[in-house]
N, C-alpha and C. Protein backbone atom coordinates (compact mmCIF):
# COMPACT_ATOMS: atom_id res chain seq x y z
N MET A 1 104.11 117.44 71.19
CA MET A 1 103.53 118.70 70.79
C MET A 1 104.60 119.78 70.89
N LYS A 2 104.77 120.55 69.83
CA LYS A 2 105.75 121.62 69.82
C LYS A 2 105.12 122.90 70.39
N LEU A 3 105.79 123.46 71.38
CA LEU A 3 105.29 124.66 72.03
C LEU A 3 106.13 125.86 71.64
N SER A 4 105.50 127.02 71.60
CA SER A 4 106.23 128.25 71.36
C SER A 4 107.01 128.61 72.62
N GLU A 5 107.93 129.54 72.48
CA GLU A 5 108.70 129.99 73.64
C GLU A 5 107.78 130.58 74.70
N THR A 6 106.77 131.32 74.27
CA THR A 6 105.80 131.91 75.20
C THR A 6 105.04 130.82 75.96
N GLN A 7 104.61 129.77 75.24
CA GLN A 7 103.90 128.66 75.87
C GLN A 7 104.81 127.93 76.86
N GLN A 8 106.07 127.75 76.49
CA GLN A 8 107.02 127.09 77.40
C GLN A 8 107.22 127.90 78.67
N LEU A 9 107.34 129.21 78.53
CA LEU A 9 107.49 130.07 79.70
C LEU A 9 106.25 130.02 80.58
N ALA A 10 105.07 130.00 79.97
CA ALA A 10 103.82 129.91 80.73
C ALA A 10 103.74 128.58 81.47
N GLN A 11 104.16 127.49 80.81
CA GLN A 11 104.17 126.17 81.48
C GLN A 11 105.11 126.20 82.68
N THR A 12 106.31 126.72 82.47
CA THR A 12 107.29 126.78 83.56
C THR A 12 106.75 127.60 84.73
N ASP A 13 106.10 128.71 84.43
CA ASP A 13 105.54 129.56 85.48
C ASP A 13 104.46 128.83 86.27
N ILE A 14 103.53 128.16 85.57
CA ILE A 14 102.44 127.47 86.29
C ILE A 14 102.98 126.28 87.07
N ILE A 15 103.97 125.58 86.53
CA ILE A 15 104.58 124.47 87.26
C ILE A 15 105.22 124.99 88.55
N ASN A 16 105.93 126.10 88.46
CA ASN A 16 106.54 126.69 89.66
C ASN A 16 105.48 127.10 90.68
N GLN A 17 104.35 127.66 90.21
CA GLN A 17 103.27 128.05 91.12
C GLN A 17 102.67 126.82 91.82
N ILE A 18 102.46 125.74 91.07
CA ILE A 18 101.91 124.51 91.66
C ILE A 18 102.90 123.92 92.65
N HIS A 19 104.19 123.90 92.30
CA HIS A 19 105.20 123.39 93.22
C HIS A 19 105.23 124.19 94.52
N LYS A 20 105.18 125.51 94.39
CA LYS A 20 105.21 126.37 95.58
C LYS A 20 103.99 126.15 96.46
N ALA A 21 102.81 126.09 95.85
CA ALA A 21 101.58 125.91 96.62
C ALA A 21 101.45 124.49 97.15
N GLY A 22 101.86 123.50 96.37
CA GLY A 22 101.67 122.10 96.73
C GLY A 22 102.76 121.50 97.58
N LYS A 23 103.79 122.22 97.84
CA LYS A 23 104.95 121.84 98.63
C LYS A 23 105.15 120.33 98.78
N ASP A 24 104.41 119.69 99.68
CA ASP A 24 104.67 118.29 100.01
C ASP A 24 104.30 117.30 98.90
N LEU A 25 103.50 117.73 97.91
CA LEU A 25 103.18 116.84 96.79
C LEU A 25 104.42 116.52 95.97
N PHE A 26 105.45 117.35 96.09
CA PHE A 26 106.63 117.20 95.25
C PHE A 26 107.89 116.86 96.04
N LYS A 27 107.75 116.63 97.32
CA LYS A 27 108.87 116.20 98.15
C LYS A 27 108.88 114.68 98.24
N PRO A 28 110.05 114.08 98.44
CA PRO A 28 110.08 112.62 98.60
C PRO A 28 109.15 112.16 99.72
N ASN A 29 108.41 111.10 99.44
CA ASN A 29 107.46 110.53 100.39
C ASN A 29 107.57 109.02 100.20
N GLY A 30 108.54 108.42 100.85
CA GLY A 30 108.88 107.02 100.64
C GLY A 30 107.70 106.09 100.82
N ALA A 31 107.69 105.02 100.04
CA ALA A 31 106.63 104.02 100.10
C ALA A 31 106.85 103.10 101.30
N VAL A 32 105.75 102.61 101.85
CA VAL A 32 105.80 101.65 102.95
C VAL A 32 104.87 100.49 102.61
N LYS A 33 105.18 99.32 103.17
CA LYS A 33 104.32 98.15 103.00
C LYS A 33 103.25 98.17 104.08
N VAL A 34 102.00 97.93 103.67
CA VAL A 34 100.88 98.01 104.60
C VAL A 34 100.02 96.76 104.44
N GLY A 35 99.52 96.26 105.56
CA GLY A 35 98.56 95.16 105.53
C GLY A 35 99.17 93.80 105.27
N GLY A 36 98.30 92.80 105.33
CA GLY A 36 98.72 91.42 105.16
C GLY A 36 99.28 91.12 103.79
N ASN A 37 98.77 91.83 102.77
CA ASN A 37 99.29 91.57 101.42
C ASN A 37 100.50 92.44 101.10
N GLN A 38 100.96 93.21 102.09
CA GLN A 38 102.14 94.06 101.95
C GLN A 38 102.04 95.03 100.78
N GLN A 39 100.86 95.64 100.63
CA GLN A 39 100.66 96.61 99.57
C GLN A 39 101.54 97.83 99.83
N MET A 40 102.09 98.40 98.76
CA MET A 40 102.93 99.59 98.86
C MET A 40 102.05 100.84 98.76
N LYS A 41 102.28 101.77 99.70
CA LYS A 41 101.54 103.03 99.75
C LYS A 41 102.50 104.16 100.08
N SER A 42 102.11 105.38 99.74
CA SER A 42 102.93 106.52 100.16
C SER A 42 102.97 106.53 101.69
N GLY A 43 104.14 106.79 102.24
CA GLY A 43 104.33 106.68 103.67
C GLY A 43 103.62 107.74 104.49
N GLU A 44 103.48 108.93 103.94
CA GLU A 44 102.85 110.04 104.63
C GLU A 44 101.67 110.53 103.81
N LEU A 45 100.65 111.06 104.49
CA LEU A 45 99.54 111.69 103.78
C LEU A 45 99.99 113.07 103.30
N TYR A 46 99.53 113.45 102.12
CA TYR A 46 99.82 114.80 101.62
C TYR A 46 98.87 115.78 102.28
N GLY A 47 99.33 117.02 102.44
CA GLY A 47 98.51 118.06 103.04
C GLY A 47 97.43 118.53 102.09
N ARG A 48 96.56 119.35 102.61
CA ARG A 48 95.46 119.90 101.81
C ARG A 48 95.82 121.32 101.38
N SER A 49 96.82 121.42 100.49
CA SER A 49 97.27 122.75 100.08
C SER A 49 96.87 123.11 98.66
N VAL A 50 96.67 122.12 97.79
CA VAL A 50 96.27 122.39 96.41
C VAL A 50 95.06 121.53 96.08
N LYS A 51 93.99 122.15 95.63
CA LYS A 51 92.80 121.40 95.24
C LYS A 51 93.06 120.67 93.92
N ILE A 52 92.60 119.42 93.86
CA ILE A 52 92.75 118.64 92.64
C ILE A 52 92.11 119.37 91.46
N SER A 53 90.93 119.93 91.66
CA SER A 53 90.22 120.61 90.57
C SER A 53 91.04 121.77 90.02
N GLU A 54 91.69 122.54 90.89
CA GLU A 54 92.50 123.68 90.45
C GLU A 54 93.75 123.21 89.73
N MET A 55 94.39 122.16 90.26
CA MET A 55 95.59 121.63 89.61
C MET A 55 95.24 121.06 88.24
N ALA A 56 94.14 120.30 88.16
CA ALA A 56 93.73 119.70 86.89
C ALA A 56 93.35 120.79 85.87
N ASP A 57 92.69 121.85 86.32
CA ASP A 57 92.35 122.95 85.41
C ASP A 57 93.62 123.59 84.84
N ALA A 58 94.61 123.81 85.70
CA ALA A 58 95.88 124.38 85.23
C ALA A 58 96.58 123.43 84.27
N MET A 59 96.52 122.13 84.57
CA MET A 59 97.13 121.14 83.67
C MET A 59 96.46 121.16 82.31
N ASP A 60 95.13 121.26 82.28
CA ASP A 60 94.39 121.37 81.01
C ASP A 60 94.81 122.62 80.25
N LYS A 61 94.79 123.74 80.93
CA LYS A 61 95.06 125.03 80.29
C LYS A 61 96.47 125.10 79.71
N TYR A 62 97.43 124.49 80.38
CA TYR A 62 98.83 124.60 79.97
C TYR A 62 99.39 123.30 79.37
N ASN A 63 98.48 122.36 79.04
CA ASN A 63 98.87 121.12 78.37
C ASN A 63 99.94 120.35 79.16
N LEU A 64 99.62 120.04 80.42
CA LEU A 64 100.55 119.35 81.30
C LEU A 64 99.98 118.01 81.77
N VAL A 65 100.87 117.11 82.17
CA VAL A 65 100.51 115.88 82.86
C VAL A 65 101.34 115.81 84.14
N MET A 66 100.91 114.98 85.07
CA MET A 66 101.65 114.82 86.32
C MET A 66 102.33 113.46 86.31
N GLN A 67 103.60 113.45 86.67
CA GLN A 67 104.32 112.19 86.80
C GLN A 67 104.12 111.67 88.22
N VAL A 68 103.71 110.41 88.33
CA VAL A 68 103.49 109.77 89.61
C VAL A 68 104.60 108.75 89.81
N ASN A 69 105.35 108.87 90.90
CA ASN A 69 106.44 107.95 91.21
C ASN A 69 106.16 107.29 92.55
N LEU A 70 106.50 106.03 92.66
CA LEU A 70 106.43 105.36 93.94
C LEU A 70 107.64 104.44 94.00
N SER A 71 108.44 104.59 95.05
CA SER A 71 109.61 103.74 95.16
C SER A 71 109.70 103.16 96.56
N GLY A 72 110.06 101.94 96.62
CA GLY A 72 110.26 101.20 97.86
C GLY A 72 111.16 100.05 97.49
N ASP A 73 110.66 98.80 97.62
CA ASP A 73 111.42 97.65 97.16
C ASP A 73 111.66 97.73 95.66
N LYS A 74 110.71 98.33 94.96
CA LYS A 74 110.85 98.56 93.52
C LYS A 74 110.32 99.95 93.21
N ARG A 75 110.64 100.44 92.03
CA ARG A 75 110.24 101.79 91.63
C ARG A 75 109.27 101.67 90.46
N GLN A 76 108.17 102.43 90.54
CA GLN A 76 107.20 102.47 89.47
C GLN A 76 106.86 103.91 89.14
N VAL A 77 106.61 104.16 87.86
CA VAL A 77 106.32 105.51 87.38
C VAL A 77 105.16 105.44 86.39
N ALA A 78 104.28 106.43 86.44
CA ALA A 78 103.19 106.56 85.46
C ALA A 78 102.87 108.05 85.32
N MET A 79 102.15 108.38 84.26
CA MET A 79 101.73 109.76 84.01
C MET A 79 100.23 109.87 84.27
N ALA A 80 99.82 110.93 84.96
CA ALA A 80 98.41 111.17 85.25
C ALA A 80 97.93 112.36 84.44
N THR A 81 96.81 112.18 83.74
CA THR A 81 96.21 113.28 82.99
C THR A 81 95.30 114.09 83.92
N PRO A 82 94.93 115.29 83.51
CA PRO A 82 94.00 116.07 84.33
C PRO A 82 92.69 115.32 84.61
N ASN A 83 92.15 114.64 83.62
CA ASN A 83 90.89 113.91 83.82
C ASN A 83 91.06 112.74 84.78
N GLU A 84 92.21 112.07 84.75
CA GLU A 84 92.46 110.99 85.71
C GLU A 84 92.53 111.54 87.13
N LEU A 85 93.14 112.71 87.29
CA LEU A 85 93.18 113.33 88.62
C LEU A 85 91.78 113.67 89.11
N ARG A 86 90.99 114.29 88.24
CA ARG A 86 89.63 114.68 88.63
C ARG A 86 88.80 113.46 89.02
N ALA A 87 88.92 112.39 88.24
CA ALA A 87 88.10 111.20 88.47
C ALA A 87 88.63 110.33 89.60
N GLY A 88 89.89 110.56 90.00
CA GLY A 88 90.49 109.67 90.99
C GLY A 88 90.70 108.29 90.40
N ALA A 89 90.87 108.24 89.09
CA ALA A 89 91.00 106.97 88.37
C ALA A 89 92.31 106.28 88.71
N ASN A 90 92.32 104.97 88.50
CA ASN A 90 93.57 104.24 88.57
C ASN A 90 94.41 104.68 87.39
N ILE A 91 95.70 104.82 87.62
CA ILE A 91 96.62 105.29 86.59
C ILE A 91 97.56 104.14 86.28
N SER A 92 97.67 103.80 84.99
CA SER A 92 98.50 102.66 84.59
C SER A 92 99.42 103.03 83.45
N SER A 93 100.59 102.43 83.48
CA SER A 93 101.54 102.52 82.37
C SER A 93 102.34 101.23 82.36
N ASP A 94 103.25 101.11 81.43
CA ASP A 94 104.09 99.91 81.36
C ASP A 94 104.96 99.75 82.60
N THR A 95 105.24 100.87 83.29
CA THR A 95 106.15 100.80 84.42
C THR A 95 105.46 100.87 85.78
N GLY A 96 104.13 100.96 85.80
CA GLY A 96 103.47 100.99 87.09
C GLY A 96 101.99 101.27 87.01
N SER A 97 101.29 100.88 88.06
CA SER A 97 99.86 101.15 88.21
C SER A 97 99.62 101.69 89.61
N PHE A 98 98.81 102.75 89.68
CA PHE A 98 98.58 103.44 90.94
C PHE A 98 97.11 103.73 91.15
N SER A 99 96.76 103.87 92.40
CA SER A 99 95.45 104.35 92.79
C SER A 99 95.68 105.65 93.56
N LEU A 100 94.95 106.70 93.18
CA LEU A 100 95.06 107.96 93.89
C LEU A 100 94.14 107.94 95.10
N VAL A 101 94.64 108.33 96.24
CA VAL A 101 93.86 108.40 97.47
C VAL A 101 93.40 109.84 97.62
N LYS A 102 92.09 110.05 97.46
CA LYS A 102 91.53 111.39 97.54
C LYS A 102 90.72 111.55 98.82
N SER A 103 90.72 112.78 99.31
CA SER A 103 89.84 113.16 100.41
C SER A 103 89.18 114.45 99.97
N GLY A 104 87.92 114.34 99.59
CA GLY A 104 87.24 115.50 99.03
C GLY A 104 87.93 115.93 97.74
N ASN A 105 88.37 117.16 97.69
CA ASN A 105 89.00 117.73 96.51
C ASN A 105 90.52 117.79 96.64
N TYR A 106 91.08 116.89 97.45
CA TYR A 106 92.52 116.91 97.69
C TYR A 106 93.13 115.53 97.49
N LEU A 107 94.35 115.50 96.97
CA LEU A 107 95.13 114.27 96.84
C LEU A 107 95.83 114.03 98.16
N ARG A 108 95.56 112.88 98.78
CA ARG A 108 96.11 112.60 100.11
C ARG A 108 97.18 111.51 100.10
N GLY A 109 97.21 110.68 99.03
CA GLY A 109 98.21 109.64 98.99
C GLY A 109 98.16 108.90 97.66
N ILE A 110 99.09 107.96 97.52
CA ILE A 110 99.18 107.13 96.31
C ILE A 110 99.42 105.70 96.75
N ASP A 111 98.64 104.78 96.18
CA ASP A 111 98.81 103.35 96.45
C ASP A 111 99.28 102.66 95.18
N MET A 112 100.24 101.77 95.32
CA MET A 112 100.70 100.97 94.20
C MET A 112 99.73 99.81 94.04
N LEU A 113 99.29 99.54 92.82
CA LEU A 113 98.36 98.43 92.59
C LEU A 113 99.12 97.18 92.21
């Protein structure tokens, strides 16, 4: 989708606002193996600083998606749409599949499927 310069500036501004408010959502959070099946999960829980509903609304308004990365023994990446965030849906792409760990209206972690 081609955006105007004004739309690009608005996207950059909202991304910066989300980064500032969400702090730990955008910092490295290394994956760890958990349980008998050695499932990969984000090593630390994310704080409750940005509500999923507010982030998803901003993503809708400014035509954004969220990139989900998980790296440990291997690295996987997928894109999350606003509706996937709201629903807490599993997110899949050719390079990875994830489950979002929600607590109420907050994203608390990411599990590799």
